[in-house]
Amino acid sequence: MAGDVFFRWVMGVNPLAIRLQGAVIALLFAVGGSHWGAQGMLAAVAALAIAVVVIEMLLESRKS
């Protein structure tokens, strides 16, 4: 997720704030989620990625 934020920043694609917040939360998952196991972490990061995209889509649709 951090790589996606960096790529969007370099390419000038906005908005970055929602994806940056998602990347920070994913890093927090990595620190605190070691007790969940690999499958739990994969599910949490996948749900986070879906949530970030949905929130970004909702914010973009409100601007239009």
C-alpha atoms as a PDB file:
ATOM      1  CA  MET A   1       0.000   0.000   0.000  1.00  0.00           C
ATOM      2  CA  ALA A   2       2.875   2.341   0.685  1.00  0.00           C
ATOM      3  CA  GLY A   3       4.235   1.563  -2.774  1.00  0.00           C
ATOM      4  CA  ASP A   4       0.886   2.534  -4.269  1.00  0.00           C
ATOM      5  CA  VAL A   5       0.972   5.860  -2.417  1.00  0.00           C
ATOM      6  CA  PHE A   6       4.525   6.503  -3.638  1.00  0.00           C
ATOM      7  CA  PHE A   7       3.595   5.618  -7.235  1.00  0.00           C
ATOM      8  CA  ARG A   8       0.543   7.904  -7.156  1.00  0.00           C
ATOM      9  CA  TRP A   9       2.649  10.718  -5.672  1.00  0.00           C
ATOM     10  CA  VAL A  10       5.299  10.385  -8.383  1.00  0.00           C
ATOM     11  CA  MET A  11       2.670  10.250 -11.140  1.00  0.00           C
ATOM     12  CA  GLY A  12       0.675  13.145  -9.672  1.00  0.00           C
ATOM     13  CA  VAL A  13      -2.513  11.111  -9.182  1.00  0.00           C
ATOM     14  CA  ASN A  14      -4.726  12.498  -6.439  1.00  0.00           C
ATOM     15  CA  PRO A  15      -6.139  12.075  -3.808  1.00  0.00           C
ATOM     16  CA  LEU A  16      -3.404  10.562  -1.693  1.00  0.00           C
ATOM     17  CA  ALA A  17      -4.759  11.100   1.826  1.00  0.00           C
ATOM     18  CA  ILE A  18      -7.097   8.100   1.984  1.00  0.00           C
ATOM     19  CA  ARG A  19      -4.521   5.704   0.548  1.00  0.00           C
ATOM     20  CA  LEU A  20      -1.821   7.098   2.840  1.00  0.00           C
ATOM     21  CA  GLN A  21      -4.052   6.503   5.852  1.00  0.00           C
ATOM     22  CA  GLY A  22      -4.654   2.954   4.602  1.00  0.00           C
ATOM     23  CA  ALA A  23      -0.915   2.387   4.316  1.00  0.00           C
ATOM     24  CA  VAL A  24      -0.370   3.593   7.885  1.00  0.00           C
ATOM     25  CA  ILE A  25      -3.128   1.307   9.168  1.00  0.00           C
ATOM     26  CA  ALA A  26      -1.599  -1.614   7.248  1.00  0.00           C
ATOM     27  CA  LEU A  27       1.723  -0.951   8.973  1.00  0.00           C
ATOM     28  CA  LEU A  28      -0.060  -0.927  12.328  1.00  0.00           C
ATOM     29  CA  PHE A  29      -1.635  -4.268  11.406  1.00  0.00           C
ATOM     30  CA  ALA A  30       1.849  -5.625  10.758  1.00  0.00           C
ATOM     31  CA  VAL A  31       3.031  -4.550  14.189  1.00  0.00           C
ATOM     32  CA  GLY A  32      -0.001  -5.620  16.186  1.00  0.00           C
ATOM     33  CA  GLY A  33      -1.300  -8.448  14.064  1.00  0.00           C
ATOM     34  CA  SER A  34       1.457 -10.982  14.505  1.00  0.00           C
ATOM     35  CA  HIS A  35      -0.859 -12.903  16.838  1.00  0.00           C
ATOM     36  CA  TRP A  36      -3.516 -13.346  14.136  1.00  0.00           C
ATOM     37  CA  GLY A  37      -1.533 -15.682  11.945  1.00  0.00           C
ATOM     38  CA  ALA A  38      -0.956 -15.417   8.218  1.00  0.00           C
ATOM     39  CA  GLN A  39      -4.564 -16.021   7.192  1.00  0.00           C
ATOM     40  CA  GLY A  40      -5.890 -13.455   9.635  1.00  0.00           C
ATOM     41  CA  MET A  41      -3.394 -10.850   8.464  1.00  0.00           C
ATOM     42  CA  LEU A  42      -4.206 -11.538   4.826  1.00  0.00           C
ATOM     43  CA  ALA A  43      -7.929 -11.150   5.525  1.00  0.00           C
ATOM     44  CA  ALA A  44      -7.374  -7.929   7.487  1.00  0.00           C
ATOM     45  CA  VAL A  45      -5.196  -6.324   4.816  1.00  0.00           C
ATOM     46  CA  ALA A  46      -7.597  -7.403   2.059  1.00  0.00           C
ATOM     47  CA  ALA A  47     -10.540  -5.906   3.957  1.00  0.00           C
ATOM     48  CA  LEU A  48      -8.540  -2.728   4.526  1.00  0.00           C
ATOM     49  CA  ALA A  49      -7.688  -2.438   0.826  1.00  0.00           C
ATOM     50  CA  ILE A  50     -11.334  -2.902  -0.141  1.00  0.00           C
ATOM     51  CA  ALA A  51     -12.428  -0.327   2.442  1.00  0.00           C
ATOM     52  CA  VAL A  52      -9.877   2.215   1.178  1.00  0.00           C
ATOM     53  CA  VAL A  53     -11.059   1.836  -2.417  1.00  0.00           C
ATOM     54  CA  VAL A  54     -14.749   2.057  -1.439  1.00  0.00           C
ATOM     55  CA  ILE A  55     -14.183   5.169   0.699  1.00  0.00           C
ATOM     56  CA  GLU A  56     -12.197   6.784  -2.097  1.00  0.00           C
ATOM     57  CA  MET A  57     -14.959   6.004  -4.607  1.00  0.00           C
ATOM     58  CA  LEU A  58     -17.626   7.444  -2.295  1.00  0.00           C
ATOM     59  CA  LEU A  59     -15.648  10.642  -1.789  1.00  0.00           C
ATOM     60  CA  GLU A  60     -15.083  11.015  -5.529  1.00  0.00           C
ATOM     61  CA  SER A  61     -18.774  10.485  -6.306  1.00  0.00           C
ATOM     62  CA  ARG A  62     -19.727  13.235  -3.837  1.00  0.00           C
ATOM     63  CA  LYS A  63     -17.430  15.695  -5.602  1.00  0.00           C
ATOM     64  CA  SER A  64     -19.151  15.165  -8.945  1.00  0.00           C
END
